[in-house]
Amino acid sequence: MNKEDPDYIVKIEKAIAEKYGKQAIDNPKKFWNQEKEKEYLKQLKQFYKIKESKEDIKVENKGFFVSEKVLQKDSERQCPVCGLYSFRIKDDLYMNKYKCCFNCYVQYVEGREERWKTGWRPNK
């Protein structure tokens, strides 16, 4: 197929219809009607009603309004083994599984997972 061919788009649509079926090339408006529109608007209203009910509550903390979720959230950002404070996603994985950062995992845990799980920790 050559892009300069005047029937190029027709040939593309025909190939798509053969591979994926006639519905793949139909205009989506063809399947939309007033009943579907009413159902869609009903679902949209329900979605926003749920979203509003879960609305974030702001609480004053040290002179600032902060999300209540932030104050209740306990985040493990500091490694209990080495004391490193990290925002790296890679560290989150090891914090959840081994209660240490990636560097401590490589240095102390890797290859010795059973000993780590029994409670062994390095001397500080």
PDB file of N, CA and C in Angstrom:
ATOM      1  N   MET A   1       0.838  -1.187   0.000  1.00  0.00           N
ATOM      2  CA  MET A   1       0.000   0.000   0.000  1.00  0.00           C
ATOM      3  C   MET A   1       0.881   1.247   0.000  1.00  0.00           C
ATOM      4  N   ASN A   2       0.503   2.161  -0.829  1.00  0.00           N
ATOM      5  CA  ASN A   2       1.224   3.418  -0.951  1.00  0.00           C
ATOM      6  C   ASN A   2       0.372   4.531  -0.343  1.00  0.00           C
ATOM      7  N   LYS A   3       0.980   5.378   0.475  1.00  0.00           N
ATOM      8  CA  LYS A   3       0.221   6.450   1.138  1.00  0.00           C
ATOM      9  C   LYS A   3      -0.323   7.476   0.150  1.00  0.00           C
ATOM     10  N   GLU A   4       0.260   7.533  -1.032  1.00  0.00           N
ATOM     11  CA  GLU A   4      -0.206   8.495  -2.031  1.00  0.00           C
ATOM     12  C   GLU A   4      -1.411   7.961  -2.801  1.00  0.00           C
ATOM     13  N   ASP A   5      -1.744   6.703  -2.614  1.00  0.00           N
ATOM     14  CA  ASP A   5      -2.892   6.084  -3.264  1.00  0.00           C
ATOM     15  C   ASP A   5      -4.169   6.735  -2.729  1.00  0.00           C
ATOM     16  N   PRO A   6      -5.086   7.187  -3.590  1.00  0.00           N
ATOM     17  CA  PRO A   6      -6.321   7.846  -3.106  1.00  0.00           C
ATOM     18  C   PRO A   6      -7.218   6.916  -2.290  1.00  0.00           C
ATOM     19  N   ASP A   7      -7.082   5.612  -2.477  1.00  0.00           N
ATOM     20  CA  ASP A   7      -7.900   4.652  -1.729  1.00  0.00           C
ATOM     21  C   ASP A   7      -7.145   4.061  -0.536  1.00  0.00           C
ATOM     22  N   TYR A   8      -6.097   4.717  -0.099  1.00  0.00           N
ATOM     23  CA  TYR A   8      -5.246   4.211   0.991  1.00  0.00           C
ATOM     24  C   TYR A   8      -6.050   4.000   2.269  1.00  0.00           C
ATOM     25  N   ILE A   9      -6.843   5.000   2.654  1.00  0.00           N
ATOM     26  CA  ILE A   9      -7.628   4.915   3.893  1.00  0.00           C
ATOM     27  C   ILE A   9      -8.665   3.809   3.795  1.00  0.00           C
ATOM     28  N   VAL A  10      -9.274   3.674   2.628  1.00  0.00           N
ATOM     29  CA  VAL A  10     -10.271   2.625   2.431  1.00  0.00           C
ATOM     30  C   VAL A  10      -9.628   1.249   2.602  1.00  0.00           C
ATOM     31  N   LYS A  11      -8.427   1.096   2.058  1.00  0.00           N
ATOM     32  CA  LYS A  11      -7.723  -0.182   2.170  1.00  0.00           C
ATOM     33  C   LYS A  11      -7.332  -0.470   3.617  1.00  0.00           C
ATOM     34  N   ILE A  12      -6.914   0.557   4.338  1.00  0.00           N
ATOM     35  CA  ILE A  12      -6.569   0.400   5.762  1.00  0.00           C
ATOM     36  C   ILE A  12      -7.799  -0.049   6.544  1.00  0.00           C
ATOM     37  N   GLU A  13      -8.930   0.640   6.341  1.00  0.00           N
ATOM     38  CA  GLU A  13     -10.159   0.287   7.044  1.00  0.00           C
ATOM     39  C   GLU A  13     -10.596  -1.138   6.711  1.00  0.00           C
ATOM     40  N   LYS A  14     -10.436  -1.529   5.462  1.00  0.00           N
ATOM     41  CA  LYS A  14     -10.810  -2.881   5.053  1.00  0.00           C
ATOM     42  C   LYS A  14      -9.927  -3.919   5.758  1.00  0.00           C
ATOM     43  N   ALA A  15      -8.628  -3.629   5.848  1.00  0.00           N
ATOM     44  CA  ALA A  15      -7.710  -4.552   6.524  1.00  0.00           C
ATOM     45  C   ALA A  15      -8.038  -4.651   8.010  1.00  0.00           C
ATOM     46  N   ILE A  16      -8.370  -3.533   8.627  1.00  0.00           N
ATOM     47  CA  ILE A  16      -8.744  -3.534  10.047  1.00  0.00           C
ATOM     48  C   ILE A  16     -10.027  -4.331  10.252  1.00  0.00           C
ATOM     49  N   ALA A  17     -11.013  -4.124   9.358  1.00  0.00           N
ATOM     50  CA  ALA A  17     -12.286  -4.841   9.471  1.00  0.00           C
ATOM     51  C   ALA A  17     -12.081  -6.346   9.319  1.00  0.00           C
ATOM     52  N   GLU A  18     -11.186  -6.753   8.422  1.00  0.00           N
ATOM     53  CA  GLU A  18     -10.925  -8.181   8.243  1.00  0.00           C
ATOM     54  C   GLU A  18     -10.252  -8.784   9.476  1.00  0.00           C
ATOM     55  N   LYS A  19      -9.325  -8.010  10.069  1.00  0.00           N
ATOM     56  CA  LYS A  19      -8.568  -8.540  11.196  1.00  0.00           C
ATOM     57  C   LYS A  19      -9.364  -8.499  12.507  1.00  0.00           C
ATOM     58  N   TYR A  20     -10.057  -7.378  12.772  1.00  0.00           N
ATOM     59  CA  TYR A  20     -10.715  -7.188  14.075  1.00  0.00           C
ATOM     60  C   TYR A  20     -12.238  -7.207  14.023  1.00  0.00           C
ATOM     61  N   GLY A  21     -12.817  -7.221  12.838  1.00  0.00           N
ATOM     62  CA  GLY A  21     -14.265  -7.227  12.725  1.00  0.00           C
ATOM     63  C   GLY A  21     -14.803  -5.864  12.320  1.00  0.00           C
ATOM     64  N   LYS A  22     -16.022  -5.858  11.801  1.00  0.00           N
ATOM     65  CA  LYS A  22     -16.645  -4.632  11.275  1.00  0.00           C
ATOM     66  C   LYS A  22     -16.828  -3.568  12.351  1.00  0.00           C
ATOM     67  N   GLN A  23     -17.083  -3.992  13.571  1.00  0.00           N
ATOM     68  CA  GLN A  23     -17.347  -3.042  14.656  1.00  0.00           C
ATOM     69  C   GLN A  23     -16.123  -2.174  14.966  1.00  0.00           C
ATOM     70  N   ALA A  24     -14.923  -2.648  14.653  1.00  0.00           N
ATOM     71  CA  ALA A  24     -13.695  -1.900  14.939  1.00  0.00           C
ATOM     72  C   ALA A  24     -13.590  -0.621  14.119  1.00  0.00           C
ATOM     73  N   ILE A  25     -14.257  -0.575  12.973  1.00  0.00           N
ATOM     74  CA  ILE A  25     -14.149   0.630  12.145  1.00  0.00           C
ATOM     75  C   ILE A  25     -15.414   1.480  12.169  1.00  0.00           C
ATOM     76  N   ASP A  26     -16.433   1.015  12.899  1.00  0.00           N
ATOM     77  CA  ASP A  26     -17.671   1.794  13.002  1.00  0.00           C
ATOM     78  C   ASP A  26     -17.463   3.026  13.874  1.00  0.00           C
ATOM     79  N   ASN A  27     -18.222   4.063  13.579  1.00  0.00           N
ATOM     80  CA  ASN A  27     -18.200   5.288  14.374  1.00  0.00           C
ATOM     81  C   ASN A  27     -18.874   5.000  15.716  1.00  0.00           C
ATOM     82  N   PRO A  28     -18.237   5.343  16.837  1.00  0.00           N
ATOM     83  CA  PRO A  28     -18.844   5.067  18.149  1.00  0.00           C
ATOM     84  C   PRO A  28     -20.214   5.718  18.347  1.00  0.00           C
ATOM     85  N   LYS A  29     -20.474   6.833  17.683  1.00  0.00           N
ATOM     86  CA  LYS A  29     -21.783   7.492  17.813  1.00  0.00           C
ATOM     87  C   LYS A  29     -22.914   6.616  17.291  1.00  0.00           C
ATOM     88  N   LYS A  30     -22.569   5.686  16.440  1.00  0.00           N
ATOM     89  CA  LYS A  30     -23.576   4.800  15.861  1.00  0.00           C
ATOM     90  C   LYS A  30     -24.266   3.966  16.941  1.00  0.00           C
ATOM     91  N   PHE A  31     -23.546   3.652  18.005  1.00  0.00           N
ATOM     92  CA  PHE A  31     -24.073   2.787  19.061  1.00  0.00           C
ATOM     93  C   PHE A  31     -24.612   3.572  20.257  1.00  0.00           C
ATOM     94  N   TRP A  32     -24.593   4.897  20.197  1.00  0.00           N
ATOM     95  CA  TRP A  32     -25.021   5.734  21.313  1.00  0.00           C
ATOM     96  C   TRP A  32     -26.451   6.183  21.096  1.00  0.00           C
ATOM     97  N   ASN A  33     -27.254   6.150  22.147  1.00  0.00           N
ATOM     98  CA  ASN A  33     -28.639   6.607  22.042  1.00  0.00           C
ATOM     99  C   ASN A  33     -29.027   7.343  23.321  1.00  0.00           C
ATOM    100  N   GLN A  34     -30.269   7.804  23.391  1.00  0.00           N
ATOM    101  CA  GLN A  34     -30.730   8.583  24.536  1.00  0.00           C
ATOM    102  C   GLN A  34     -30.717   7.759  25.831  1.00  0.00           C
ATOM    103  N   GLU A  35     -31.037   6.501  25.746  1.00  0.00           N
ATOM    104  CA  GLU A  35     -31.037   5.652  26.941  1.00  0.00           C
ATOM    105  C   GLU A  35     -29.629   5.521  27.512  1.00  0.00           C
ATOM    106  N   LYS A  36     -28.663   5.310  26.636  1.00  0.00           N
ATOM    107  CA  LYS A  36     -27.271   5.212  27.089  1.00  0.00           C
ATOM    108  C   LYS A  36     -26.787   6.537  27.648  1.00  0.00           C
ATOM    109  N   GLU A  37     -27.238   7.638  27.065  1.00  0.00           N
ATOM    110  CA  GLU A  37     -26.860   8.960  27.563  1.00  0.00           C
ATOM    111  C   GLU A  37     -27.407   9.170  28.978  1.00  0.00           C
ATOM    112  N   LYS A  38     -28.654   8.804  29.212  1.00  0.00           N
ATOM    113  CA  LYS A  38     -29.256   8.939  30.547  1.00  0.00           C
ATOM    114  C   LYS A  38     -28.530   8.061  31.563  1.00  0.00           C
ATOM    115  N   GLU A  39     -28.209   6.832  31.181  1.00  0.00           N
ATOM    116  CA  GLU A  39     -27.482   5.927  32.077  1.00  0.00           C
ATOM    117  C   GLU A  39     -26.093   6.473  32.398  1.00  0.00           C
ATOM    118  N   TYR A  40     -25.432   7.026  31.390  1.00  0.00           N
ATOM    119  CA  TYR A  40     -24.101   7.616  31.589  1.00  0.00           C
ATOM    120  C   TYR A  40     -24.171   8.790  32.565  1.00  0.00           C
ATOM    121  N   LEU A  41     -25.139   9.679  32.386  1.00  0.00           N
ATOM    122  CA  LEU A  41     -25.278  10.823  33.287  1.00  0.00           C
ATOM    123  C   LEU A  41     -25.613  10.373  34.710  1.00  0.00           C
ATOM    124  N   LYS A  42     -26.422   9.332  34.838  1.00  0.00           N
ATOM    125  CA  LYS A  42     -26.756   8.787  36.157  1.00  0.00           C
ATOM    126  C   LYS A  42     -25.496   8.256  36.845  1.00  0.00           C
ATOM    127  N   GLN A  43     -24.681   7.500  36.115  1.00  0.00           N
ATOM    128  CA  GLN A  43     -23.435   6.975  36.663  1.00  0.00           C
ATOM    129  C   GLN A  43     -22.463   8.099  37.021  1.00  0.00           C
ATOM    130  N   LEU A  44     -22.435   9.136  36.207  1.00  0.00           N
ATOM    131  CA  LEU A  44     -21.562  10.278  36.463  1.00  0.00           C
ATOM    132  C   LEU A  44     -21.951  10.981  37.763  1.00  0.00           C
ATOM    133  N   LYS A  45     -23.252  11.161  37.981  1.00  0.00           N
ATOM    134  CA  LYS A  45     -23.726  11.779  39.226  1.00  0.00           C
ATOM    135  C   LYS A  45     -23.362  10.920  40.435  1.00  0.00           C
ATOM    136  N   GLN A  46     -23.529   9.609  40.314  1.00  0.00           N
ATOM    137  CA  GLN A  46     -23.166   8.716  41.409  1.00  0.00           C
ATOM    138  C   GLN A  46     -21.674   8.790  41.704  1.00  0.00           C
ATOM    139  N   PHE A  47     -20.862   8.851  40.666  1.00  0.00           N
ATOM    140  CA  PHE A  47     -19.419   8.931  40.833  1.00  0.00           C
ATOM    141  C   PHE A  47     -19.031  10.184  41.614  1.00  0.00           C
ATOM    142  N   TYR A  48     -19.576  11.334  41.220  1.00  0.00           N
ATOM    143  CA  TYR A  48     -19.218  12.571  41.904  1.00  0.00           C
ATOM    144  C   TYR A  48     -19.795  12.645  43.309  1.00  0.00           C
ATOM    145  N   LYS A  49     -20.933  12.004  43.533  1.00  0.00           N
ATOM    146  CA  LYS A  49     -21.498  11.955  44.892  1.00  0.00           C
ATOM    147  C   LYS A  49     -20.568  11.168  45.809  1.00  0.00           C
ATOM    148  N   ILE A  50     -20.054  10.041  45.332  1.00  0.00           N
ATOM    149  CA  ILE A  50     -19.104   9.237  46.114  1.00  0.00           C
ATOM    150  C   ILE A  50     -17.815  10.008  46.327  1.00  0.00           C
ATOM    151  N   LYS A  51     -17.372  10.687  45.290  1.00  0.00           N
ATOM    152  CA  LYS A  51     -16.124  11.442  45.392  1.00  0.00           C
ATOM    153  C   LYS A  51     -16.254  12.569  46.425  1.00  0.00           C
ATOM    154  N   GLU A  52     -17.392  13.245  46.446  1.00  0.00           N
ATOM    155  CA  GLU A  52     -17.610  14.317  47.416  1.00  0.00           C
ATOM    156  C   GLU A  52     -17.683  13.771  48.837  1.00  0.00           C
ATOM    157  N   SER A  53     -18.254  12.579  49.005  1.00  0.00           N
ATOM    158  CA  SER A  53     -18.359  12.006  50.342  1.00  0.00           C
ATOM    159  C   SER A  53     -16.984  11.626  50.883  1.00  0.00           C
ATOM    160  N   LYS A  54     -16.032  11.347  49.996  1.00  0.00           N
ATOM    161  CA  LYS A  54     -14.678  11.018  50.402  1.00  0.00           C
ATOM    162  C   LYS A  54     -13.789  12.262  50.404  1.00  0.00           C
ATOM    163  N   GLU A  55     -14.414  13.417  50.342  1.00  0.00           N
ATOM    164  CA  GLU A  55     -13.662  14.672  50.248  1.00  0.00           C
ATOM    165  C   GLU A  55     -12.678  14.800  51.404  1.00  0.00           C
ATOM    166  N   ASP A  56     -11.558  15.338  51.089  1.00  0.00           N
ATOM    167  CA  ASP A  56     -10.466  15.492  52.038  1.00  0.00           C
ATOM    168  C   ASP A  56     -10.808  16.557  53.080  1.00  0.00           C
ATOM    169  N   ILE A  57     -10.663  16.229  54.334  1.00  0.00           N
ATOM    170  CA  ILE A  57     -10.938  17.158  55.419  1.00  0.00           C
ATOM    171  C   ILE A  57      -9.637  17.852  55.802  1.00  0.00           C
ATOM    172  N   LYS A  58      -9.678  19.182  55.845  1.00  0.00           N
ATOM    173  CA  LYS A  58      -8.494  19.967  56.188  1.00  0.00           C
ATOM    174  C   LYS A  58      -8.516  20.296  57.683  1.00  0.00           C
ATOM    175  N   VAL A  59      -7.360  20.139  58.310  1.00  0.00           N
ATOM    176  CA  VAL A  59      -7.213  20.381  59.741  1.00  0.00           C
ATOM    177  C   VAL A  59      -6.073  21.373  59.927  1.00  0.00           C
ATOM    178  N   GLU A  60      -6.246  22.282  60.889  1.00  0.00           N
ATOM    179  CA  GLU A  60      -5.183  23.244  61.148  1.00  0.00           C
ATOM    180  C   GLU A  60      -4.073  22.573  61.955  1.00  0.00           C
ATOM    181  N   ASN A  61      -2.845  22.715  61.474  1.00  0.00           N
ATOM    182  CA  ASN A  61      -1.695  22.125  62.132  1.00  0.00           C
ATOM    183  C   ASN A  61      -0.529  23.095  62.021  1.00  0.00           C
ATOM    184  N   LYS A  62      -0.099  23.634  63.147  1.00  0.00           N
ATOM    185  CA  LYS A  62       1.025  24.580  63.201  1.00  0.00           C
ATOM    186  C   LYS A  62       0.798  25.792  62.302  1.00  0.00           C
ATOM    187  N   GLY A  63      -0.432  26.279  62.267  1.00  0.00           N
ATOM    188  CA  GLY A  63      -0.746  27.482  61.511  1.00  0.00           C
ATOM    189  C   GLY A  63      -1.082  27.246  60.052  1.00  0.00           C
ATOM    190  N   PHE A  64      -1.122  25.996  59.615  1.00  0.00           N
ATOM    191  CA  PHE A  64      -1.435  25.666  58.230  1.00  0.00           C
ATOM    192  C   PHE A  64      -2.582  24.679  58.190  1.00  0.00           C
ATOM    193  N   PHE A  65      -3.355  24.723  57.114  1.00  0.00           N
ATOM    194  CA  PHE A  65      -4.385  23.728  56.902  1.00  0.00           C
ATOM    195  C   PHE A  65      -3.771  22.564  56.134  1.00  0.00           C
ATOM    196  N   VAL A  66      -3.847  21.389  56.735  1.00  0.00           N
ATOM    197  CA  VAL A  66      -3.237  20.190  56.174  1.00  0.00           C
ATOM    198  C   VAL A  66      -4.296  19.105  56.068  1.00  0.00           C
ATOM    199  N   SER A  67      -4.172  18.259  55.062  1.00  0.00           N
ATOM    200  CA  SER A  67      -5.090  17.151  54.891  1.00  0.00           C
ATOM    201  C   SER A  67      -5.018  16.229  56.108  1.00  0.00           C
ATOM    202  N   GLU A  68      -6.184  15.821  56.570  1.00  0.00           N
ATOM    203  CA  GLU A  68      -6.243  14.931  57.727  1.00  0.00           C
ATOM    204  C   GLU A  68      -5.578  13.593  57.412  1.00  0.00           C
ATOM    205  N   LYS A  69      -5.637  13.175  56.155  1.00  0.00           N
ATOM    206  CA  LYS A  69      -5.006  11.928  55.747  1.00  0.00           C
ATOM    207  C   LYS A  69      -3.496  11.982  55.949  1.00  0.00           C
ATOM    208  N   VAL A  70      -2.899  13.132  55.714  1.00  0.00           N
ATOM    209  CA  VAL A  70      -1.447  13.275  55.858  1.00  0.00           C
ATOM    210  C   VAL A  70      -1.044  13.116  57.316  1.00  0.00           C
ATOM    211  N   LEU A  71      -1.848  13.653  58.216  1.00  0.00           N
ATOM    212  CA  LEU A  71      -1.522  13.571  59.635  1.00  0.00           C
ATOM    213  C   LEU A  71      -1.697  12.154  60.175  1.00  0.00           C
ATOM    214  N   GLN A  72      -2.605  11.389  59.603  1.00  0.00           N
ATOM    215  CA  GLN A  72      -2.845  10.038  60.079  1.00  0.00           C
ATOM    216  C   GLN A  72      -1.926   9.019  59.430  1.00  0.00           C
ATOM    217  N   LYS A  73      -1.315   9.385  58.327  1.00  0.00           N
ATOM    218  CA  LYS A  73      -0.515   8.438  57.558  1.00  0.00           C
ATOM    219  C   LYS A  73       0.841   8.216  58.215  1.00  0.00           C
ATOM    220  N   ASP A  74       1.135   6.974  58.521  1.00  0.00           N
ATOM    221  CA  ASP A  74       2.450   6.614  59.028  1.00  0.00           C
ATOM    222  C   ASP A  74       3.284   6.140  57.855  1.00  0.00           C
ATOM    223  N   SER A  75       4.288   6.893  57.513  1.00  0.00           N
ATOM    224  CA  SER A  75       5.140   6.480  56.408  1.00  0.00           C
ATOM    225  C   SER A  75       6.490   6.060  56.947  1.00  0.00           C
ATOM    226  N   GLU A  76       6.983   4.972  56.405  1.00  0.00           N
ATOM    227  CA  GLU A  76       8.289   4.471  56.799  1.00  0.00           C
ATOM    228  C   GLU A  76       9.309   4.999  55.802  1.00  0.00           C
ATOM    229  N   ARG A  77       9.883   6.121  56.102  1.00  0.00           N
ATOM    230  CA  ARG A  77      10.854   6.727  55.203  1.00  0.00           C
ATOM    231  C   ARG A  77      12.273   6.614  55.745  1.00  0.00           C
ATOM    232  N   GLN A  78      12.402   6.311  57.021  1.00  0.00           N
ATOM    233  CA  GLN A  78      13.734   6.225  57.614  1.00  0.00           C
ATOM    234  C   GLN A  78      14.067   4.763  57.883  1.00  0.00           C
ATOM    235  N   CYS A  79      15.211   4.346  57.362  1.00  0.00           N
ATOM    236  CA  CYS A  79      15.649   2.960  57.532  1.00  0.00           C
ATOM    237  C   CYS A  79      16.013   2.723  58.994  1.00  0.00           C
ATOM    238  N   PRO A  80      15.415   1.722  59.644  1.00  0.00           N
ATOM    239  CA  PRO A  80      15.738   1.447  61.042  1.00  0.00           C
ATOM    240  C   PRO A  80      17.147   0.885  61.234  1.00  0.00           C
ATOM    241  N   VAL A  81      17.773   0.402  60.178  1.00  0.00           N
ATOM    242  CA  VAL A  81      19.102  -0.190  60.290  1.00  0.00           C
ATOM    243  C   VAL A  81      20.181   0.879  60.201  1.00  0.00           C
ATOM    244  N   CYS A  82      20.146   1.708  59.131  1.00  0.00           N
ATOM    245  CA  CYS A  82      21.216   2.688  58.928  1.00  0.00           C
ATOM    246  C   CYS A  82      20.778   4.122  59.206  1.00  0.00           C
ATOM    247  N   GLY A  83      19.460   4.355  59.336  1.00  0.00           N
ATOM    248  CA  GLY A  83      18.969   5.692  59.620  1.00  0.00           C
ATOM    249  C   GLY A  83      18.809   6.567  58.387  1.00  0.00           C
ATOM    250  N   LEU A  84      19.002   6.024  57.186  1.00  0.00           N
ATOM    251  CA  LEU A  84      18.873   6.780  55.936  1.00  0.00           C
ATOM    252  C   LEU A  84      17.419   7.179  55.734  1.00  0.00           C
ATOM    253  N   TYR A  85      17.205   8.455  55.372  1.00  0.00           N
ATOM    254  CA  TYR A  85      15.872   8.955  55.072  1.00  0.00           C
ATOM    255  C   TYR A  85      15.760   9.030  53.559  1.00  0.00           C
ATOM    256  N   SER A  86      14.814   8.291  52.963  1.00  0.00           N
ATOM    257  CA  SER A  86      14.774   8.171  51.510  1.00  0.00           C
ATOM    258  C   SER A  86      13.370   8.339  50.965  1.00  0.00           C
ATOM    259  N   PHE A  87      13.301   8.954  49.771  1.00  0.00           N
ATOM    260  CA  PHE A  87      12.037   9.054  49.042  1.00  0.00           C
ATOM    261  C   PHE A  87      12.037   8.166  47.802  1.00  0.00           C
ATOM    262  N   ARG A  88      13.038   7.330  47.647  1.00  0.00           N
ATOM    263  CA  ARG A  88      13.131   6.483  46.458  1.00  0.00           C
ATOM    264  C   ARG A  88      12.098   5.361  46.515  1.00  0.00           C
ATOM    265  N   ILE A  89      11.481   5.103  45.388  1.00  0.00           N
ATOM    266  CA  ILE A  89      10.468   4.058  45.299  1.00  0.00           C
ATOM    267  C   ILE A  89      11.098   2.688  45.550  1.00  0.00           C
ATOM    268  N   LYS A  90      12.326   2.526  45.089  1.00  0.00           N
ATOM    269  CA  LYS A  90      13.017   1.258  45.265  1.00  0.00           C
ATOM    270  C   LYS A  90      13.133   0.915  46.751  1.00  0.00           C
ATOM    271  N   ASP A  91      13.395   1.923  47.594  1.00  0.00           N
ATOM    272  CA  ASP A  91      13.507   1.685  49.030  1.00  0.00           C
ATOM    273  C   ASP A  91      12.174   1.271  49.648  1.00  0.00           C
ATOM    274  N   ASP A  92      11.060   1.769  49.098  1.00  0.00           N
ATOM    275  CA  ASP A  92       9.745   1.415  49.630  1.00  0.00           C
ATOM    276  C   ASP A  92       9.510  -0.095  49.571  1.00  0.00           C
ATOM    277  N   LEU A  93       9.919  -0.707  48.494  1.00  0.00           N
ATOM    278  CA  LEU A  93       9.758  -2.149  48.338  1.00  0.00           C
ATOM    279  C   LEU A  93      10.485  -2.905  49.444  1.00  0.00           C
ATOM    280  N   TYR A  94      11.724  -2.537  49.684  1.00  0.00           N
ATOM    281  CA  TYR A  94      12.521  -3.237  50.697  1.00  0.00           C
ATOM    282  C   TYR A  94      12.075  -2.877  52.110  1.00  0.00           C
ATOM    283  N   MET A  95      11.573  -1.659  52.309  1.00  0.00           N
ATOM    284  CA  MET A  95      11.041  -1.272  53.624  1.00  0.00           C
ATOM    285  C   MET A  95       9.836  -2.136  53.971  1.00  0.00           C
ATOM    286  N   ASN A  96       8.968  -2.364  52.997  1.00  0.00           N
ATOM    287  CA  ASN A  96       7.769  -3.168  53.247  1.00  0.00           C
ATOM    288  C   ASN A  96       8.100  -4.627  53.495  1.00  0.00           C
ATOM    289  N   LYS A  97       9.054  -5.168  52.743  1.00  0.00           N
ATOM    290  CA  LYS A  97       9.337  -6.596  52.846  1.00  0.00           C
ATOM    291  C   LYS A  97      10.362  -6.936  53.918  1.00  0.00           C
ATOM    292  N   TYR A  98      11.436  -6.141  54.017  1.00  0.00           N
ATOM    293  CA  TYR A  98      12.530  -6.487  54.926  1.00  0.00           C
ATOM    294  C   TYR A  98      12.759  -5.467  56.047  1.00  0.00           C
ATOM    295  N   LYS A  99      11.996  -4.404  56.066  1.00  0.00           N
ATOM    296  CA  LYS A  99      12.156  -3.339  57.078  1.00  0.00           C
ATOM    297  C   LYS A  99      13.567  -2.745  57.048  1.00  0.00           C
ATOM    298  N   CYS A 100      14.075  -2.522  55.838  1.00  0.00           N
ATOM    299  CA  CYS A 100      15.359  -1.846  55.661  1.00  0.00           C
ATOM    300  C   CYS A 100      15.399  -1.239  54.260  1.00  0.00           C
ATOM    301  N   CYS A 101      16.322  -0.307  54.022  1.00  0.00           N
ATOM    302  CA  CYS A 101      16.458   0.320  52.707  1.00  0.00           C
ATOM    303  C   CYS A 101      17.167  -0.625  51.735  1.00  0.00           C
ATOM    304  N   PHE A 102      17.234  -0.238  50.477  1.00  0.00           N
ATOM    305  CA  PHE A 102      17.860  -1.068  49.453  1.00  0.00           C
ATOM    306  C   PHE A 102      19.334  -1.307  49.756  1.00  0.00           C
ATOM    307  N   ASN A 103      20.052  -0.269  50.189  1.00  0.00           N
ATOM    308  CA  ASN A 103      21.483  -0.419  50.482  1.00  0.00           C
ATOM    309  C   ASN A 103      21.712  -1.428  51.608  1.00  0.00           C
ATOM    310  N   CYS A 104      20.911  -1.361  52.655  1.00  0.00           N
ATOM    311  CA  CYS A 104      21.045  -2.325  53.748  1.00  0.00           C
ATOM    312  C   CYS A 104      20.661  -3.726  53.283  1.00  0.00           C
ATOM    313  N   TYR A 105      19.680  -3.808  52.404  1.00  0.00           N
ATOM    314  CA  TYR A 105      19.298  -5.109  51.871  1.00  0.00           C
ATOM    315  C   TYR A 105      20.495  -5.740  51.170  1.00  0.00           C
ATOM    316  N   VAL A 106      21.154  -4.967  50.302  1.00  0.00           N
ATOM    317  CA  VAL A 106      22.300  -5.498  49.564  1.00  0.00           C
ATOM    318  C   VAL A 106      23.429  -5.881  50.520  1.00  0.00           C
ATOM    319  N   GLN A 107      23.662  -5.037  51.509  1.00  0.00           N
ATOM    320  CA  GLN A 107      24.798  -5.253  52.407  1.00  0.00           C
ATOM    321  C   GLN A 107      24.547  -6.372  53.428  1.00  0.00           C
ATOM    322  N   TYR A 108      23.344  -6.435  53.999  1.00  0.00           N
ATOM    323  CA  TYR A 108      23.105  -7.347  55.109  1.00  0.00           C
ATOM    324  C   TYR A 108      22.145  -8.509  54.826  1.00  0.00           C
ATOM    325  N   VAL A 109      21.168  -8.304  53.929  1.00  0.00           N
ATOM    326  CA  VAL A 109      20.092  -9.284  53.796  1.00  0.00           C
ATOM    327  C   VAL A 109      20.284 -10.218  52.607  1.00  0.00           C
ATOM    328  N   GLU A 110      20.704  -9.699  51.478  1.00  0.00           N
ATOM    329  CA  GLU A 110      20.777 -10.476  50.251  1.00  0.00           C
ATOM    330  C   GLU A 110      21.597 -11.754  50.457  1.00  0.00           C
ATOM    331  N   GLY A 111      20.977 -12.871  50.182  1.00  0.00           N
ATOM    332  CA  GLY A 111      21.631 -14.165  50.374  1.00  0.00           C
ATOM    333  C   GLY A 111      21.497 -14.704  51.785  1.00  0.00           C
ATOM    334  N   ARG A 112      21.000 -13.888  52.714  1.00  0.00           N
ATOM    335  CA  ARG A 112      20.857 -14.305  54.121  1.00  0.00           C
ATOM    336  C   ARG A 112      19.436 -14.006  54.628  1.00  0.00           C
ATOM    337  N   GLU A 113      18.463 -14.204  53.754  1.00  0.00           N
ATOM    338  CA  GLU A 113      17.088 -13.845  54.096  1.00  0.00           C
ATOM    339  C   GLU A 113      16.571 -14.598  55.312  1.00  0.00           C
ATOM    340  N   GLU A 114      16.915 -15.869  55.444  1.00  0.00           N
ATOM    341  CA  GLU A 114      16.425 -16.660  56.582  1.00  0.00           C
ATOM    342  C   GLU A 114      16.944 -16.093  57.900  1.00  0.00           C
ATOM    343  N   ARG A 115      18.208 -15.743  57.947  1.00  0.00           N
ATOM    344  CA  ARG A 115      18.781 -15.168  59.171  1.00  0.00           C
ATOM    345  C   ARG A 115      18.102 -13.843  59.489  1.00  0.00           C
ATOM    346  N   TRP A 116      17.827 -13.044  58.462  1.00  0.00           N
ATOM    347  CA  TRP A 116      17.181 -11.742  58.654  1.00  0.00           C
ATOM    348  C   TRP A 116      15.768 -11.935  59.201  1.00  0.00           C
ATOM    349  N   LYS A 117      15.044 -12.910  58.656  1.00  0.00           N
ATOM    350  CA  LYS A 117      13.660 -13.164  59.079  1.00  0.00           C
ATOM    351  C   LYS A 117      13.595 -13.658  60.523  1.00  0.00           C
ATOM    352  N   THR A 118      14.656 -14.300  61.005  1.00  0.00           N
ATOM    353  CA  THR A 118      14.654 -14.767  62.397  1.00  0.00           C
ATOM    354  C   THR A 118      14.908 -13.636  63.381  1.00  0.00           C
ATOM    355  N   GLY A 119      15.289 -12.440  62.874  1.00  0.00           N
ATOM    356  CA  GLY A 119      15.453 -11.305  63.762  1.00  0.00           C
ATOM    357  C   GLY A 119      16.848 -10.750  63.860  1.00  0.00           C
ATOM    358  N   TRP A 120      17.820 -11.334  63.165  1.00  0.00           N
ATOM    359  CA  TRP A 120      19.188 -10.834  63.239  1.00  0.00           C
ATOM    360  C   TRP A 120      19.279  -9.443  62.613  1.00  0.00           C
ATOM    361  N   ARG A 121      19.979  -8.540  63.260  1.00  0.00           N
ATOM    362  CA  ARG A 121      20.252  -7.197  62.735  1.00  0.00           C
ATOM    363  C   ARG A 121      21.713  -6.875  63.018  1.00  0.00           C
ATOM    364  N   PRO A 122      22.348  -6.048  62.177  1.00  0.00           N
ATOM    365  CA  PRO A 122      23.751  -5.700  62.412  1.00  0.00           C
ATOM    366  C   PRO A 122      23.908  -4.794  63.627  1.00  0.00           C
ATOM    367  N   ASN A 123      25.064  -4.820  64.236  1.00  0.00           N
ATOM    368  CA  ASN A 123      25.347  -3.912  65.357  1.00  0.00           C
ATOM    369  C   ASN A 123      25.481  -2.498  64.841  1.00  0.00           C
ATOM    370  N   LYS A 124      24.971  -1.551  65.608  1.00  0.00           N
ATOM    371  CA  LYS A 124      25.033  -0.158  65.142  1.00  0.00           C
ATOM    372  C   LYS A 124      26.358   0.461  65.418  1.00  0.00           C
TER     373      LYS A 124
END
